[in-house]
Amino acid sequence: MEKKHVEELLRAVAGGVMSPESALARLALEPVRDTLNGLALDTQRELRTNLGEVVFAPNKSDSALIGAVGGLAADGAPVLVSRVDARQGALLLEHFPDGRYWEDARLFAVGDGALRLGPPWPSRGDVLVMSAGAADMRVAAEAYGTLRFWNIDCGFIPDVGVAGLHRLTPHIEAMRAATIIIAVAGMEGALPGVLAGLVPCPVLAVPAGVGYGVGEGGRAALNTMLCSCVPGIAVTNIDNGFGAAAFAAKLLRNLRDRAISV
């Protein structure tokens, strides 16, 4: 159950349209929605954590994948699915024709958030996703698309790695205006350290699994980011664009909620 649905229940009780007992009974039925596919869907996760449950596509059977999306979308809630391959994307579009599949980001979405997936993208926002090279696009797009699904003000600046640092010059103002930057880089992974030395906001570094030899699988990029001497950098797991987006979204929503409560 999304926050807006709980707010609707509370307003109905406050307005005398619904009894407290009826509202409580409705809430009591919502914490977990079981399906026939061995899934226990966490329908109240957004109430607890500020982020709703997201479906992870790999290794799910077709029936489990369809059941998870359908179960979460049963009340009209938006649903996001991550790491969706092309075959699964076609399958989901067949069963949920109003959804959208962004293959570059491996994301599928149903509901309001689906309309915000994919290009064109702005070059500034509260969160700024920046990638070092075109080879890092898949991970960076996952971060950007996830944030857009959650309706976070997000910009995307691709292909500004250290092989051509002059490419950062047009974006300095946007970089310094951001609340947090997500920096995705493979190979030697130097971009996050460069950015952190230029901006006042924290930089969340995402090593991309791009490289060969000692850098194979993104491990050189991971070590570079972990060993950076520039303060204000935190590091996710290799290729974890979704995790970076979740961190940024929770940070911004927590700041917003605290500001509203003051």
Protein backbone atom coordinates (compact mmCIF):
# COMPACT_ATOMS: atom_id res chain seq x y z
CA MET A 1 0.00 0.00 0.00
CA GLU A 2 1.40 3.38 -1.03
CA LYS A 3 1.53 6.34 1.33
CA LYS A 4 -1.15 8.13 -0.67
CA HIS A 5 -3.56 5.24 -0.09
CA VAL A 6 -2.95 5.38 3.66
CA GLU A 7 -3.48 9.14 3.59
CA GLU A 8 -6.79 8.58 1.77
CA LEU A 9 -7.88 6.15 4.50
CA LEU A 10 -6.92 8.60 7.23
CA ARG A 11 -8.80 11.43 5.52
CA ALA A 12 -11.85 9.19 5.17
CA VAL A 13 -11.74 8.45 8.89
CA ALA A 14 -11.19 12.12 9.77
CA GLY A 15 -14.09 13.12 7.52
CA GLY A 16 -16.44 10.56 9.00
CA VAL A 17 -16.73 8.64 5.72
CA MET A 18 -15.09 5.51 7.16
CA SER A 19 -15.01 4.12 10.67
CA PRO A 20 -11.66 3.62 12.43
CA GLU A 21 -12.48 -0.09 12.65
CA SER A 22 -12.95 -0.37 8.88
CA ALA A 23 -9.69 1.45 8.22
CA LEU A 24 -7.84 -0.77 10.67
CA ALA A 25 -9.28 -3.89 9.04
CA ARG A 26 -8.12 -2.64 5.64
CA LEU A 27 -4.61 -1.97 6.91
CA ALA A 28 -4.44 -5.32 8.71
CA LEU A 29 -4.91 -7.17 5.41
CA GLU A 30 -2.19 -5.30 3.57
CA PRO A 31 1.28 -6.11 5.02
CA VAL A 32 1.92 -9.12 2.78
CA ARG A 33 0.18 -10.27 -0.38
CA ASP A 34 0.81 -13.93 -1.17
CA THR A 35 0.63 -15.20 -4.74
CA LEU A 36 0.33 -18.62 -6.30
CA ASN A 37 3.95 -18.38 -7.46
CA GLY A 38 5.61 -18.74 -4.05
CA LEU A 39 5.93 -14.97 -3.60
CA ALA A 40 5.19 -12.95 -0.48
CA LEU A 41 4.89 -9.39 -1.77
CA ASP A 42 5.76 -6.65 0.70
CA THR A 43 2.96 -4.16 -0.01
CA GLN A 44 3.78 -1.87 2.93
CA ARG A 45 7.49 -1.44 2.28
CA GLU A 46 7.07 2.16 1.15
CA LEU A 47 5.38 3.04 4.47
CA ARG A 48 8.36 1.68 6.40
CA THR A 49 11.27 2.66 4.19
CA ASN A 50 10.06 5.44 1.82
CA LEU A 51 10.69 3.13 -1.16
CA GLY A 52 8.27 0.52 -2.45
CA GLU A 53 9.24 -3.04 -3.30
CA VAL A 54 11.04 -3.42 -6.64
CA VAL A 55 10.97 -6.71 -8.57
CA PHE A 56 14.39 -8.23 -9.40
CA ALA A 57 13.93 -10.09 -12.70
CA PRO A 58 16.95 -12.44 -13.02
CA ASN A 59 16.38 -16.13 -12.21
CA LYS A 60 12.62 -15.70 -11.83
CA SER A 61 10.38 -18.00 -13.82
CA ASP A 62 8.03 -16.31 -16.26
CA SER A 63 5.04 -17.09 -14.06
CA ALA A 64 6.77 -15.73 -10.94
CA LEU A 65 7.80 -12.55 -12.75
CA ILE A 66 4.31 -11.90 -14.09
CA GLY A 67 2.79 -12.78 -10.72
CA ALA A 68 5.06 -10.37 -8.87
CA VAL A 69 4.32 -7.45 -11.18
CA GLY A 70 0.60 -8.20 -11.28
CA GLY A 71 0.40 -8.61 -7.51
CA LEU A 72 2.12 -5.33 -6.76
CA ALA A 73 0.10 -3.51 -9.42
CA ALA A 74 -3.23 -4.94 -8.25
CA ASP A 75 -4.33 -1.69 -6.55
CA GLY A 76 -3.07 0.53 -9.34
CA ALA A 77 0.31 1.10 -7.70
CA PRO A 78 3.31 1.80 -9.96
CA VAL A 79 5.75 -1.10 -10.22
CA LEU A 80 9.43 -1.16 -11.20
CA VAL A 81 11.30 -4.26 -12.37
CA SER A 82 15.11 -4.25 -12.54
CA ARG A 83 17.69 -6.23 -14.57
CA VAL A 84 15.12 -7.18 -17.21
CA ASP A 85 16.59 -8.85 -20.29
CA ALA A 86 15.12 -8.39 -23.77
CA ARG A 87 13.06 -11.60 -23.67
CA GLN A 88 11.60 -10.73 -20.28
CA GLY A 89 10.90 -7.20 -21.48
CA ALA A 90 8.84 -8.55 -24.38
CA LEU A 91 7.03 -10.94 -22.05
CA LEU A 92 6.13 -8.16 -19.61
CA LEU A 93 4.92 -5.88 -22.40
CA GLU A 94 2.69 -8.68 -23.64
CA HIS A 95 1.04 -9.03 -20.22
CA PHE A 96 1.22 -5.35 -19.22
CA PRO A 97 0.83 -3.41 -22.50
CA ASP A 98 0.58 -0.08 -20.69
CA GLY A 99 4.08 -0.57 -19.27
CA ARG A 100 7.37 0.61 -20.68
CA TYR A 101 10.64 -1.26 -21.20
CA TRP A 102 13.92 0.68 -21.38
CA GLU A 103 16.40 -1.89 -22.67
CA ASP A 104 19.52 0.26 -22.16
CA ALA A 105 18.74 0.44 -18.43
CA ARG A 106 17.21 -3.07 -18.20
CA LEU A 107 14.17 -1.53 -16.48
CA PHE A 108 10.47 -2.21 -16.93
CA ALA A 109 7.80 -0.10 -15.27
CA VAL A 110 4.03 -0.06 -14.93
CA GLY A 111 2.01 2.97 -13.82
CA ASP A 112 2.88 6.64 -13.50
CA GLY A 113 6.61 6.03 -13.20
CA ALA A 114 6.72 4.28 -16.57
CA LEU A 115 6.16 7.55 -18.38
CA ARG A 116 9.39 8.95 -16.97
CA LEU A 117 11.72 6.17 -18.19
CA GLY A 118 14.21 6.79 -20.97
CA PRO A 119 15.53 9.81 -22.83
CA PRO A 120 15.51 12.72 -23.31
CA TRP A 121 17.07 13.63 -19.98
CA PRO A 122 17.92 16.97 -18.36
CA SER A 123 21.54 17.82 -17.57
CA ARG A 124 20.86 18.99 -14.02
CA GLY A 125 18.84 17.96 -10.96
CA ASP A 126 18.92 17.40 -7.21
CA VAL A 127 20.62 14.12 -8.07
CA LEU A 128 23.08 14.20 -10.95
CA VAL A 129 24.07 10.90 -12.53
CA MET A 130 27.39 11.15 -14.37
CA SER A 131 29.16 8.41 -16.30
CA ALA A 132 32.75 8.17 -17.47
CA GLY A 133 32.18 6.49 -20.83
CA ALA A 134 29.64 5.00 -23.19
CA ALA A 135 30.61 1.53 -21.90
CA ASP A 136 29.23 2.54 -18.49
CA MET A 137 25.86 3.56 -19.92
CA ARG A 138 23.91 0.50 -18.80
CA VAL A 139 24.74 0.99 -15.12
CA ALA A 140 24.29 4.77 -15.25
CA ALA A 141 20.96 4.43 -17.06
CA GLU A 142 19.76 2.01 -14.37
CA ALA A 143 20.49 4.62 -11.71
CA TYR A 144 18.90 7.45 -13.66
CA GLY A 145 15.81 5.45 -14.70
CA THR A 146 15.22 4.21 -11.16
CA LEU A 147 15.36 7.74 -9.76
CA ARG A 148 13.02 9.01 -12.46
CA PHE A 149 10.57 6.21 -11.70
CA TRP A 150 10.54 7.38 -8.08
CA ASN A 151 9.91 10.93 -9.32
CA ILE A 152 13.21 12.25 -8.00
CA ASP A 153 14.52 15.41 -9.65
CA CYS A 154 17.43 13.88 -11.54
CA GLY A 155 19.79 14.87 -14.34
CA PHE A 156 22.10 12.72 -16.44
CA ILE A 157 25.47 13.70 -17.90
CA PRO A 158 27.09 10.78 -19.80
CA ASP A 159 30.55 10.29 -21.27
CA VAL A 160 32.64 12.79 -19.25
CA GLY A 161 35.48 10.55 -18.07
CA VAL A 162 39.07 11.43 -17.28
CA ALA A 163 40.30 10.75 -20.83
CA GLY A 164 38.81 14.15 -21.69
CA LEU A 165 38.34 16.19 -18.52
CA HIS A 166 37.56 19.33 -20.53
CA ARG A 167 34.12 17.76 -21.14
CA LEU A 168 33.20 18.59 -17.53
CA THR A 169 33.59 22.34 -18.05
CA PRO A 170 30.07 23.06 -19.39
CA HIS A 171 28.55 21.18 -16.45
CA ILE A 172 30.39 22.71 -13.48
CA GLU A 173 27.42 24.87 -12.44
CA ALA A 174 25.00 21.92 -12.53
CA MET A 175 27.49 19.76 -10.62
CA ARG A 176 27.88 22.34 -7.84
CA ALA A 177 24.10 22.81 -7.60
CA ALA A 178 23.37 19.10 -7.07
CA THR A 179 22.50 17.67 -3.65
CA ILE A 180 24.26 14.40 -4.47
CA ILE A 181 26.18 13.10 -7.49
CA ILE A 182 26.18 9.47 -8.60
CA ALA A 183 29.38 8.83 -10.56
CA VAL A 184 29.63 5.66 -12.64
CA ALA A 185 33.02 4.62 -14.02
CA GLY A 186 34.77 1.49 -15.21
CA MET A 187 38.40 0.91 -16.23
CA GLU A 188 40.54 2.72 -13.58
CA GLY A 189 37.46 4.36 -11.99
CA ALA A 190 38.99 7.80 -11.45
CA LEU A 191 35.95 9.98 -12.22
CA PRO A 192 34.37 10.05 -8.70
CA GLY A 193 37.59 11.36 -7.12
CA VAL A 194 37.85 14.10 -9.71
CA LEU A 195 34.23 15.16 -9.14
CA ALA A 196 34.52 15.07 -5.35
CA GLY A 197 37.42 17.50 -5.58
CA LEU A 198 35.22 19.99 -7.45
CA VAL A 199 31.85 19.98 -5.68
CA PRO A 200 30.47 20.57 -2.15
CA CYS A 201 27.96 17.69 -2.28
CA PRO A 202 28.68 14.02 -1.50
CA VAL A 203 29.63 11.75 -4.39
CA LEU A 204 28.31 8.19 -4.55
CA ALA A 205 30.72 6.15 -6.66
CA VAL A 206 29.57 3.14 -8.69
CA PRO A 207 32.28 0.96 -10.24
CA ALA A 208 31.20 -0.44 -13.60
CA GLY A 209 32.26 -3.92 -14.63
CA VAL A 210 34.22 -2.57 -17.60
CA GLY A 211 37.90 -3.39 -17.96
CA TYR A 212 40.39 -6.12 -18.77
CA GLY A 213 43.56 -7.57 -17.30
CA VAL A 214 43.91 -6.32 -13.71
CA GLY A 215 40.74 -4.27 -14.22
CA GLU A 216 38.60 -7.19 -15.30
CA GLY A 217 35.06 -7.13 -13.96
CA GLY A 218 35.37 -3.65 -12.48
CA ARG A 219 37.66 -4.59 -9.60
CA ALA A 220 40.32 -2.00 -10.40
CA ALA A 221 37.62 0.69 -10.49
CA LEU A 222 36.24 -0.54 -7.16
CA ASN A 223 39.68 -0.42 -5.50
CA THR A 224 40.40 3.04 -6.89
CA MET A 225 37.13 4.38 -5.52
CA LEU A 226 37.62 2.75 -2.13
CA CYS A 227 41.15 4.15 -1.89
CA SER A 228 40.40 7.70 -3.03
CA CYS A 229 42.08 10.38 -0.95
CA VAL A 230 39.27 12.86 -1.70
CA PRO A 231 36.82 13.16 1.23
CA GLY A 232 33.09 12.86 0.70
CA ILE A 233 32.97 9.69 -1.43
CA ALA A 234 30.97 6.55 -0.67
CA VAL A 235 31.11 3.44 -2.87
CA THR A 236 28.51 0.86 -3.92
CA ASN A 237 29.04 -2.65 -5.20
CA ILE A 238 30.15 -3.19 -8.80
CA ASP A 239 27.40 -2.35 -11.34
CA ASN A 240 24.95 -1.42 -8.58
CA GLY A 241 23.21 1.48 -10.28
CA PHE A 242 19.94 0.57 -8.58
CA GLY A 243 21.53 0.61 -5.13
CA ALA A 244 23.03 4.03 -5.77
CA ALA A 245 19.63 5.34 -6.85
CA ALA A 246 17.98 3.91 -3.74
CA PHE A 247 20.56 5.56 -1.48
CA ALA A 248 20.07 8.94 -3.14
CA ALA A 249 16.28 8.68 -3.10
CA LYS A 250 16.14 7.78 0.60
CA LEU A 251 18.53 10.61 1.44
CA LEU A 252 16.46 13.21 -0.41
CA ARG A 253 13.10 11.95 0.85
CA ASN A 254 14.37 11.86 4.42
CA LEU A 255 15.60 15.45 4.11
CA ARG A 256 12.24 16.48 2.64
CA ASP A 257 10.21 14.74 5.35
CA ARG A 258 12.33 16.29 8.10
CA ALA A 259 11.90 19.74 6.56
CA ILE A 260 8.12 19.28 6.39
CA SER A 261 7.92 18.16 10.02
CA VAL A 262 9.81 21.21 11.33
